[in-house]
Each structure stands twice: as structure tokens, then as C-alpha cells.
Amino acid sequence: MPVTYTRWMDAAEEEYRRLDRLLATFGPEDWSRPTDCAPWDVWAVVAHLVGAAEATGGTRERVHQLVAGLRRRRRGELLIDAMNAIQVAERHHRTPLQLRADLQRSARLSIQARRRIPTPVRRLRLPLGQPLGACSLERLLGTIYTRDAWMHRIDLARATGRQLELSPPHDGLIVAHAVEEWADLHGQPFHLDLTGPAGGSWARGVAPESATWSMDAVEFCRILSGRGRASGLLARPVVF
């Protein structure tokens, strides 16, 4: 299912709105709760989201995070992990209330900046290293950053016991695209029934019993992201 860059930007904008609505429900005790992104707690996940939005919203911050990440990176560590650590560490002084305001502001600037990038520039391929490899700017700023924010909203809802806001037009789009990317990556027959508001059914070829699943759509994506145990085709990761 081809998804245009404009559609990804619409989804990113909606995702930031849903994140803000979720953060508005948090009490003081929620910000220190552990998340599936150990060792990050809720506060650290939001600090990462702020840092990512600020990096995509301004060239100066983007270059700063890249250079700081290169300096911080330890032997064998992925550059993206070092940059994520910088995003969290440099916001250690921000209170939960300030972080929410930071995300509101940086999300708005991020969407504006990402929408303005000309098509020829978006098609440039960047040697980003693992796990993305050579990746177009369009895929990075459209698909990957939107998925990242979406998956972290799931992390935050799970950590705080909040009900996850889901709808077919928004969450269903993200899930469907992830399913099709996963299917292209492994290239094997399968049958998949995903339940919930973001779910649907997909099949390719004649699937053996070992490649036939019925599960919650969000849980399926959590597994592909490395947040759950998996075997067989489900062990083929997709970048979130």
C-alpha cells in the first residue's frame, strides 16, 4: 500500500496531537514509571520525543545531535542509540510540565520543517548505519519518525495504564504499512489476522500453520519492534 509523503506528514501531525492528549492525563507519579524501553522511564521517553522533534525541526539541532552522538558513541554502539542518549541527557533539567510544552512547540516546528523539504531533497539516500542502512530522507522523516512516535505512545500508555487511543484511519494506516514492509522483508507465505481498531487481514501464498497468526494489531507491531518474544517469521524485525 503506497503511502505518500504528504499522508505521512498528516499522520505525524495527528500522532503528536494524540501524544499531547495522552500526556495531559499524567499525574506526577506517572512520569517516573518504567517503560518497555529500559532503562528509560516515562520522563525519558518524552525527553527523547522532544529531542527527536527538535532535530527534525532545525538544522542546527540536528547537526548538534549528530556530532554529540559521534563523540559519545562507545565501541560497538549504534550511532542512533548514542544520539538518543544525548537527547535524554541534555534535557535532564526539564520538568514534566516543561517537557510537555517543549513537545507541543517542537512538534509544530518539526511538521512545518518536514513538510517544506523539496521532493528532490527528500529522495536523497543517506548512509545512516544500522538498523536503517542506506535510507532516503523521505523514508526517515516520513515513515520512521512517525512510527517511532506512535510506538512510544504505546510505551507511554502501557507504562501508565492508560487506554490507548486507536482508530482505523490513523493507527490502521501505520499498522498496515508495517505489515506490508515486514512481508516484503521476509518474502514468505503467511496468513495474518490482526484484531482491534488498527487491525485487518493479510495473506500471501499458501501459508503453513507455523506462519498463520491471529493477534492484536498493537501487540504484533510491538513484537516486530523487538518489544516482545518472537520466533519464525515474527522474529524478522521492522524499524519503528
C-alpha atoms as a PDB file:
ATOM      1  CA  MET A   1       0.000   0.000   0.000  1.00  0.00           C
ATOM      2  CA  PRO A   2       1.881   3.099  -1.199  1.00  0.00           C
ATOM      3  CA  VAL A   3       1.668   5.983   1.261  1.00  0.00           C
ATOM      4  CA  THR A   4       2.593   9.449   0.056  1.00  0.00           C
ATOM      5  CA  TYR A   5       4.920  11.718   1.981  1.00  0.00           C
ATOM      6  CA  THR A   6       2.052  14.166   2.469  1.00  0.00           C
ATOM      7  CA  ARG A   7      -0.025  11.390   4.034  1.00  0.00           C
ATOM      8  CA  TRP A   8       2.831  10.521   6.374  1.00  0.00           C
ATOM      9  CA  MET A   9       3.064  14.152   7.425  1.00  0.00           C
ATOM     10  CA  ASP A  10      -0.667  14.210   8.149  1.00  0.00           C
ATOM     11  CA  ALA A  11      -0.212  11.059  10.229  1.00  0.00           C
ATOM     12  CA  ALA A  12       2.765  12.565  12.080  1.00  0.00           C
ATOM     13  CA  GLU A  13       0.758  15.670  12.913  1.00  0.00           C
ATOM     14  CA  GLU A  14      -2.122  13.565  14.221  1.00  0.00           C
ATOM     15  CA  GLU A  15       0.276  11.395  16.203  1.00  0.00           C
ATOM     16  CA  TYR A  16       1.681  14.424  18.012  1.00  0.00           C
ATOM     17  CA  ARG A  17      -1.870  15.526  18.837  1.00  0.00           C
ATOM     18  CA  ARG A  18      -2.617  12.122  20.344  1.00  0.00           C
ATOM     19  CA  LEU A  19       0.625  12.164  22.294  1.00  0.00           C
ATOM     20  CA  ASP A  20      -0.268  15.526  23.789  1.00  0.00           C
ATOM     21  CA  ARG A  21      -3.721  14.300  24.789  1.00  0.00           C
ATOM     22  CA  LEU A  22      -2.099  11.312  26.486  1.00  0.00           C
ATOM     23  CA  LEU A  23       0.451  13.441  28.349  1.00  0.00           C
ATOM     24  CA  ALA A  24      -2.347  15.689  29.583  1.00  0.00           C
ATOM     25  CA  THR A  25      -3.716  12.759  31.626  1.00  0.00           C
ATOM     26  CA  PHE A  26      -0.465  12.077  33.507  1.00  0.00           C
ATOM     27  CA  GLY A  27      -0.142  12.807  37.193  1.00  0.00           C
ATOM     28  CA  PRO A  28       3.169  13.495  38.988  1.00  0.00           C
ATOM     29  CA  GLU A  29       3.553   9.820  39.866  1.00  0.00           C
ATOM     30  CA  ASP A  30       3.313   8.688  36.234  1.00  0.00           C
ATOM     31  CA  TRP A  31       6.493  10.338  34.980  1.00  0.00           C
ATOM     32  CA  SER A  32       8.812   8.027  36.889  1.00  0.00           C
ATOM     33  CA  ARG A  33       7.117   4.784  35.875  1.00  0.00           C
ATOM     34  CA  PRO A  34       9.309   2.267  33.973  1.00  0.00           C
ATOM     35  CA  THR A  35       8.603   1.637  30.297  1.00  0.00           C
ATOM     36  CA  ASP A  36       9.302  -1.144  27.824  1.00  0.00           C
ATOM     37  CA  CYS A  37      12.296   0.939  26.673  1.00  0.00           C
ATOM     38  CA  ALA A  38      14.534   0.103  29.625  1.00  0.00           C
ATOM     39  CA  PRO A  39      16.305   1.902  31.195  1.00  0.00           C
ATOM     40  CA  TRP A  40      14.029   4.798  30.197  1.00  0.00           C
ATOM     41  CA  ASP A  41      11.121   5.805  32.385  1.00  0.00           C
ATOM     42  CA  VAL A  42       8.146   7.834  31.132  1.00  0.00           C
ATOM     43  CA  TRP A  43      10.026  11.111  31.565  1.00  0.00           C
ATOM     44  CA  ALA A  44      12.966   9.843  29.489  1.00  0.00           C
ATOM     45  CA  VAL A  45      10.735   8.608  26.656  1.00  0.00           C
ATOM     46  CA  VAL A  46       9.114  12.038  26.417  1.00  0.00           C
ATOM     47  CA  ALA A  47      12.545  13.714  26.550  1.00  0.00           C
ATOM     48  CA  HIS A  48      13.588  11.538  23.600  1.00  0.00           C
ATOM     49  CA  LEU A  49      10.457  12.505  21.679  1.00  0.00           C
ATOM     50  CA  VAL A  50      11.219  16.178  22.305  1.00  0.00           C
ATOM     51  CA  GLY A  51      14.817  15.729  21.161  1.00  0.00           C
ATOM     52  CA  ALA A  52      13.759  13.891  18.005  1.00  0.00           C
ATOM     53  CA  ALA A  53      11.205  16.583  17.142  1.00  0.00           C
ATOM     54  CA  GLU A  54      13.742  19.344  17.723  1.00  0.00           C
ATOM     55  CA  ALA A  55      16.268  17.554  15.497  1.00  0.00           C
ATOM     56  CA  THR A  56      13.790  17.279  12.632  1.00  0.00           C
ATOM     57  CA  GLY A  57      12.655  20.865  13.126  1.00  0.00           C
ATOM     58  CA  GLY A  58      16.001  22.629  12.829  1.00  0.00           C
ATOM     59  CA  THR A  59      19.318  22.030  11.081  1.00  0.00           C
ATOM     60  CA  ARG A  60      21.427  23.394  13.943  1.00  0.00           C
ATOM     61  CA  GLU A  61      19.947  20.990  16.488  1.00  0.00           C
ATOM     62  CA  ARG A  62      20.152  18.097  14.031  1.00  0.00           C
ATOM     63  CA  VAL A  63      23.870  18.693  13.407  1.00  0.00           C
ATOM     64  CA  HIS A  64      24.486  19.169  17.128  1.00  0.00           C
ATOM     65  CA  GLN A  65      22.915  15.823  17.988  1.00  0.00           C
ATOM     66  CA  LEU A  66      24.852  14.066  15.227  1.00  0.00           C
ATOM     67  CA  VAL A  67      28.210  15.488  16.330  1.00  0.00           C
ATOM     68  CA  ALA A  68      27.466  14.893  20.021  1.00  0.00           C
ATOM     69  CA  GLY A  69      26.373  11.350  19.251  1.00  0.00           C
ATOM     70  CA  LEU A  70      29.576  10.633  17.331  1.00  0.00           C
ATOM     71  CA  ARG A  71      31.620  11.901  20.260  1.00  0.00           C
ATOM     72  CA  ARG A  72      29.636   9.955  22.834  1.00  0.00           C
ATOM     73  CA  ARG A  73      29.322   6.675  20.969  1.00  0.00           C
ATOM     74  CA  ARG A  74      31.109   3.776  22.606  1.00  0.00           C
ATOM     75  CA  ARG A  75      32.771   0.948  20.728  1.00  0.00           C
ATOM     76  CA  GLY A  76      30.107  -1.247  19.122  1.00  0.00           C
ATOM     77  CA  GLU A  77      27.253   1.139  19.965  1.00  0.00           C
ATOM     78  CA  LEU A  78      24.846   2.206  17.230  1.00  0.00           C
ATOM     79  CA  LEU A  79      25.019   5.890  16.357  1.00  0.00           C
ATOM     80  CA  ILE A  80      21.246   6.215  16.707  1.00  0.00           C
ATOM     81  CA  ASP A  81      21.452   4.894  20.273  1.00  0.00           C
ATOM     82  CA  ALA A  82      24.155   7.411  21.143  1.00  0.00           C
ATOM     83  CA  MET A  83      22.068  10.244  19.684  1.00  0.00           C
ATOM     84  CA  ASN A  84      19.006   9.084  21.622  1.00  0.00           C
ATOM     85  CA  ALA A  85      21.058   9.117  24.815  1.00  0.00           C
ATOM     86  CA  ILE A  86      22.139  12.690  24.062  1.00  0.00           C
ATOM     87  CA  GLN A  87      18.514  13.741  23.583  1.00  0.00           C
ATOM     88  CA  VAL A  88      17.609  12.461  27.042  1.00  0.00           C
ATOM     89  CA  ALA A  89      20.745  13.589  28.873  1.00  0.00           C
ATOM     90  CA  GLU A  90      20.595  17.164  27.601  1.00  0.00           C
ATOM     91  CA  ARG A  91      17.035  17.611  28.892  1.00  0.00           C
ATOM     92  CA  HIS A  92      17.685  16.334  32.419  1.00  0.00           C
ATOM     93  CA  HIS A  93      16.707  19.723  33.899  1.00  0.00           C
ATOM     94  CA  ARG A  94      13.263  19.887  32.277  1.00  0.00           C
ATOM     95  CA  THR A  95      10.225  19.257  34.449  1.00  0.00           C
ATOM     96  CA  PRO A  96       7.289  17.153  33.183  1.00  0.00           C
ATOM     97  CA  LEU A  97       5.249  20.302  32.597  1.00  0.00           C
ATOM     98  CA  GLN A  98       8.105  21.870  30.654  1.00  0.00           C
ATOM     99  CA  LEU A  99       8.637  18.726  28.614  1.00  0.00           C
ATOM    100  CA  ARG A 100       5.018  18.669  27.537  1.00  0.00           C
ATOM    101  CA  ALA A 101       5.262  22.317  26.441  1.00  0.00           C
ATOM    102  CA  ASP A 102       8.557  21.527  24.696  1.00  0.00           C
ATOM    103  CA  LEU A 103       6.914  18.713  22.757  1.00  0.00           C
ATOM    104  CA  GLN A 104       3.980  20.898  21.722  1.00  0.00           C
ATOM    105  CA  ARG A 105       6.353  23.540  20.365  1.00  0.00           C
ATOM    106  CA  SER A 106       8.926  21.225  18.785  1.00  0.00           C
ATOM    107  CA  ALA A 107       6.246  19.017  17.194  1.00  0.00           C
ATOM    108  CA  ARG A 108       4.720  22.025  15.451  1.00  0.00           C
ATOM    109  CA  LEU A 109       8.110  23.191  14.148  1.00  0.00           C
ATOM    110  CA  SER A 110       9.066  19.660  13.126  1.00  0.00           C
ATOM    111  CA  ILE A 111       5.968  19.163  10.989  1.00  0.00           C
ATOM    112  CA  GLN A 112       6.400  22.570   9.371  1.00  0.00           C
ATOM    113  CA  ALA A 113      10.048  21.889   8.525  1.00  0.00           C
ATOM    114  CA  ARG A 114       9.431  18.365   7.252  1.00  0.00           C
ATOM    115  CA  ARG A 115       6.573  19.483   5.005  1.00  0.00           C
ATOM    116  CA  ARG A 116       8.763  22.151   3.376  1.00  0.00           C
ATOM    117  CA  ILE A 117      11.531  19.809   2.200  1.00  0.00           C
ATOM    118  CA  PRO A 118      11.541  19.675  -1.640  1.00  0.00           C
ATOM    119  CA  THR A 119      10.923  16.318  -3.287  1.00  0.00           C
ATOM    120  CA  PRO A 120      14.422  16.032  -4.870  1.00  0.00           C
ATOM    121  CA  VAL A 121      15.999  16.550  -1.446  1.00  0.00           C
ATOM    122  CA  ARG A 122      13.682  14.013   0.194  1.00  0.00           C
ATOM    123  CA  ARG A 123      14.802  11.399  -2.322  1.00  0.00           C
ATOM    124  CA  LEU A 124      18.449  11.657  -1.308  1.00  0.00           C
ATOM    125  CA  ARG A 125      19.744   8.445   0.252  1.00  0.00           C
ATOM    126  CA  LEU A 126      21.745   8.745   3.448  1.00  0.00           C
ATOM    127  CA  PRO A 127      24.235   6.175   4.844  1.00  0.00           C
ATOM    128  CA  LEU A 128      22.682   6.031   8.315  1.00  0.00           C
ATOM    129  CA  GLY A 129      24.183   2.771   9.522  1.00  0.00           C
ATOM    130  CA  GLN A 130      22.250   0.091  11.352  1.00  0.00           C
ATOM    131  CA  PRO A 131      19.384  -0.524  11.702  1.00  0.00           C
ATOM    132  CA  LEU A 132      18.299   1.665   8.757  1.00  0.00           C
ATOM    133  CA  GLY A 133      21.259   1.292   6.411  1.00  0.00           C
ATOM    134  CA  ALA A 134      21.074   3.452   3.279  1.00  0.00           C
ATOM    135  CA  CYS A 135      17.774   5.254   3.743  1.00  0.00           C
ATOM    136  CA  SER A 136      16.078   8.046   1.849  1.00  0.00           C
ATOM    137  CA  LEU A 137      15.353  11.244   3.718  1.00  0.00           C
ATOM    138  CA  GLU A 138      11.702  10.776   2.757  1.00  0.00           C
ATOM    139  CA  ARG A 139      11.526   7.397   4.473  1.00  0.00           C
ATOM    140  CA  LEU A 140      13.368   8.671   7.536  1.00  0.00           C
ATOM    141  CA  LEU A 141      11.300  11.815   8.070  1.00  0.00           C
ATOM    142  CA  GLY A 142       8.013  10.351   6.886  1.00  0.00           C
ATOM    143  CA  THR A 143       7.742   6.696   7.826  1.00  0.00           C
ATOM    144  CA  ILE A 144      10.356   6.134  10.527  1.00  0.00           C
ATOM    145  CA  TYR A 145       9.837   9.206  12.695  1.00  0.00           C
ATOM    146  CA  THR A 146       6.067   8.760  12.573  1.00  0.00           C
ATOM    147  CA  ARG A 147       6.345   5.102  13.553  1.00  0.00           C
ATOM    148  CA  ASP A 148       8.760   5.992  16.343  1.00  0.00           C
ATOM    149  CA  ALA A 149       6.356   8.491  17.891  1.00  0.00           C
ATOM    150  CA  TRP A 150       3.471   6.022  17.510  1.00  0.00           C
ATOM    151  CA  MET A 151       5.333   3.174  19.197  1.00  0.00           C
ATOM    152  CA  HIS A 152       6.434   5.418  22.035  1.00  0.00           C
ATOM    153  CA  ARG A 153       2.826   6.471  22.584  1.00  0.00           C
ATOM    154  CA  ILE A 154       2.100   2.779  23.059  1.00  0.00           C
ATOM    155  CA  ASP A 155       5.023   2.550  25.514  1.00  0.00           C
ATOM    156  CA  LEU A 156       3.685   5.510  27.498  1.00  0.00           C
ATOM    157  CA  ALA A 157       0.114   4.215  27.609  1.00  0.00           C
ATOM    158  CA  ARG A 158       1.263   0.780  28.779  1.00  0.00           C
ATOM    159  CA  ALA A 159       3.565   2.237  31.418  1.00  0.00           C
ATOM    160  CA  THR A 160       0.847   4.439  32.909  1.00  0.00           C
ATOM    161  CA  GLY A 161      -2.134   2.120  32.485  1.00  0.00           C
ATOM    162  CA  ARG A 162      -3.926   4.494  30.129  1.00  0.00           C
ATOM    163  CA  GLN A 163      -6.281   3.339  27.403  1.00  0.00           C
ATOM    164  CA  LEU A 164      -4.638   3.679  24.014  1.00  0.00           C
ATOM    165  CA  GLU A 165      -6.437   5.953  21.555  1.00  0.00           C
ATOM    166  CA  LEU A 166      -6.799   3.973  18.313  1.00  0.00           C
ATOM    167  CA  SER A 167      -8.712   4.464  15.069  1.00  0.00           C
ATOM    168  CA  PRO A 168      -8.637   2.717  11.675  1.00  0.00           C
ATOM    169  CA  PRO A 169      -7.733   5.784   9.543  1.00  0.00           C
ATOM    170  CA  HIS A 170      -4.703   6.720  11.630  1.00  0.00           C
ATOM    171  CA  ASP A 171      -3.402   3.695  13.515  1.00  0.00           C
ATOM    172  CA  GLY A 172      -4.656   1.292  10.874  1.00  0.00           C
ATOM    173  CA  LEU A 173      -2.514   3.058   8.270  1.00  0.00           C
ATOM    174  CA  ILE A 174       0.636   2.690  10.399  1.00  0.00           C
ATOM    175  CA  VAL A 175      -0.067  -0.965  11.150  1.00  0.00           C
ATOM    176  CA  ALA A 176      -0.897  -1.858   7.545  1.00  0.00           C
ATOM    177  CA  HIS A 177       2.285  -0.266   6.248  1.00  0.00           C
ATOM    178  CA  ALA A 178       4.356  -2.096   8.859  1.00  0.00           C
ATOM    179  CA  VAL A 179       2.732  -5.414   7.927  1.00  0.00           C
ATOM    180  CA  GLU A 180       3.467  -4.929   4.240  1.00  0.00           C
ATOM    181  CA  GLU A 181       7.066  -3.924   4.900  1.00  0.00           C
ATOM    182  CA  TRP A 182       7.519  -6.978   7.119  1.00  0.00           C
ATOM    183  CA  ALA A 183       6.010  -9.211   4.420  1.00  0.00           C
ATOM    184  CA  ASP A 184       8.348  -7.780   1.769  1.00  0.00           C
ATOM    185  CA  LEU A 185      11.357  -8.276   4.047  1.00  0.00           C
ATOM    186  CA  HIS A 186      10.776 -11.976   4.685  1.00  0.00           C
ATOM    187  CA  GLY A 187       9.134 -12.813   1.331  1.00  0.00           C
ATOM    188  CA  GLN A 188       7.458 -15.984   2.642  1.00  0.00           C
ATOM    189  CA  PRO A 189       3.817 -17.160   2.545  1.00  0.00           C
ATOM    190  CA  PHE A 190       1.803 -16.146   5.599  1.00  0.00           C
ATOM    191  CA  HIS A 191      -1.706 -15.500   6.861  1.00  0.00           C
ATOM    192  CA  LEU A 192      -2.242 -12.786   9.437  1.00  0.00           C
ATOM    193  CA  ASP A 193      -5.414 -11.654  11.198  1.00  0.00           C
ATOM    194  CA  LEU A 194      -4.883  -8.612  13.397  1.00  0.00           C
ATOM    195  CA  THR A 195      -7.637  -7.594  15.786  1.00  0.00           C
ATOM    196  CA  GLY A 196      -8.587  -4.251  17.291  1.00  0.00           C
ATOM    197  CA  PRO A 197      -9.326  -0.847  15.725  1.00  0.00           C
ATOM    198  CA  ALA A 198      -5.974  -0.822  13.912  1.00  0.00           C
ATOM    199  CA  GLY A 199      -6.268  -4.381  12.623  1.00  0.00           C
ATOM    200  CA  GLY A 200      -7.025  -6.147   9.369  1.00  0.00           C
ATOM    201  CA  SER A 201      -6.243  -9.325   7.441  1.00  0.00           C
ATOM    202  CA  TRP A 202      -3.303 -10.064   5.151  1.00  0.00           C
ATOM    203  CA  ALA A 203      -2.169 -13.173   3.284  1.00  0.00           C
ATOM    204  CA  ARG A 204       0.432 -14.159   0.722  1.00  0.00           C
ATOM    205  CA  GLY A 205       0.640 -17.563  -0.856  1.00  0.00           C
ATOM    206  CA  VAL A 206      -0.391 -20.794   0.852  1.00  0.00           C
ATOM    207  CA  ALA A 207       0.687 -20.338   4.448  1.00  0.00           C
ATOM    208  CA  PRO A 208       1.692 -23.270   6.654  1.00  0.00           C
ATOM    209  CA  GLU A 209       0.289 -23.469  10.161  1.00  0.00           C
ATOM    210  CA  SER A 210       3.566 -22.102  11.534  1.00  0.00           C
ATOM    211  CA  ALA A 211       3.045 -18.904   9.519  1.00  0.00           C
ATOM    212  CA  THR A 212      -0.610 -18.332  10.452  1.00  0.00           C
ATOM    213  CA  TRP A 213      -1.422 -15.929  13.272  1.00  0.00           C
ATOM    214  CA  SER A 214      -4.327 -14.157  14.898  1.00  0.00           C
ATOM    215  CA  MET A 215      -3.379 -11.478  17.417  1.00  0.00           C
ATOM    216  CA  ASP A 216      -3.884  -7.895  18.494  1.00  0.00           C
ATOM    217  CA  ALA A 217      -2.575  -5.373  15.969  1.00  0.00           C
ATOM    218  CA  VAL A 218      -0.658  -3.320  18.531  1.00  0.00           C
ATOM    219  CA  GLU A 219       0.947  -6.418  20.029  1.00  0.00           C
ATOM    220  CA  PHE A 220       2.014  -7.557  16.562  1.00  0.00           C
ATOM    221  CA  CYS A 221       3.822  -4.257  15.984  1.00  0.00           C
ATOM    222  CA  ARG A 222       5.386  -4.406  19.442  1.00  0.00           C
ATOM    223  CA  ILE A 223       6.810  -7.815  18.530  1.00  0.00           C
ATOM    224  CA  LEU A 224       8.209  -6.538  15.234  1.00  0.00           C
ATOM    225  CA  SER A 225       9.816  -3.630  17.098  1.00  0.00           C
ATOM    226  CA  GLY A 226      11.656  -6.008  19.433  1.00  0.00           C
ATOM    227  CA  ARG A 227       9.423  -5.424  22.448  1.00  0.00           C
ATOM    228  CA  GLY A 228       8.081  -8.955  22.631  1.00  0.00           C
ATOM    229  CA  ARG A 229       9.308 -12.516  22.207  1.00  0.00           C
ATOM    230  CA  ALA A 230       9.003 -13.984  18.735  1.00  0.00           C
ATOM    231  CA  SER A 231      10.103 -16.887  16.583  1.00  0.00           C
ATOM    232  CA  GLY A 232       9.882 -17.777  12.923  1.00  0.00           C
ATOM    233  CA  LEU A 233       8.759 -15.017  10.606  1.00  0.00           C
ATOM    234  CA  LEU A 234       7.721 -12.840  13.557  1.00  0.00           C
ATOM    235  CA  ALA A 235      11.380 -12.606  14.521  1.00  0.00           C
ATOM    236  CA  ARG A 236      12.028 -10.566  11.357  1.00  0.00           C
ATOM    237  CA  PRO A 237      12.197  -7.029  12.765  1.00  0.00           C
ATOM    238  CA  VAL A 238      10.787  -3.837  11.315  1.00  0.00           C
ATOM    239  CA  VAL A 239      12.241  -0.464  12.294  1.00  0.00           C
ATOM    240  CA  PHE A 240       9.953   1.640  14.486  1.00  0.00           C
END
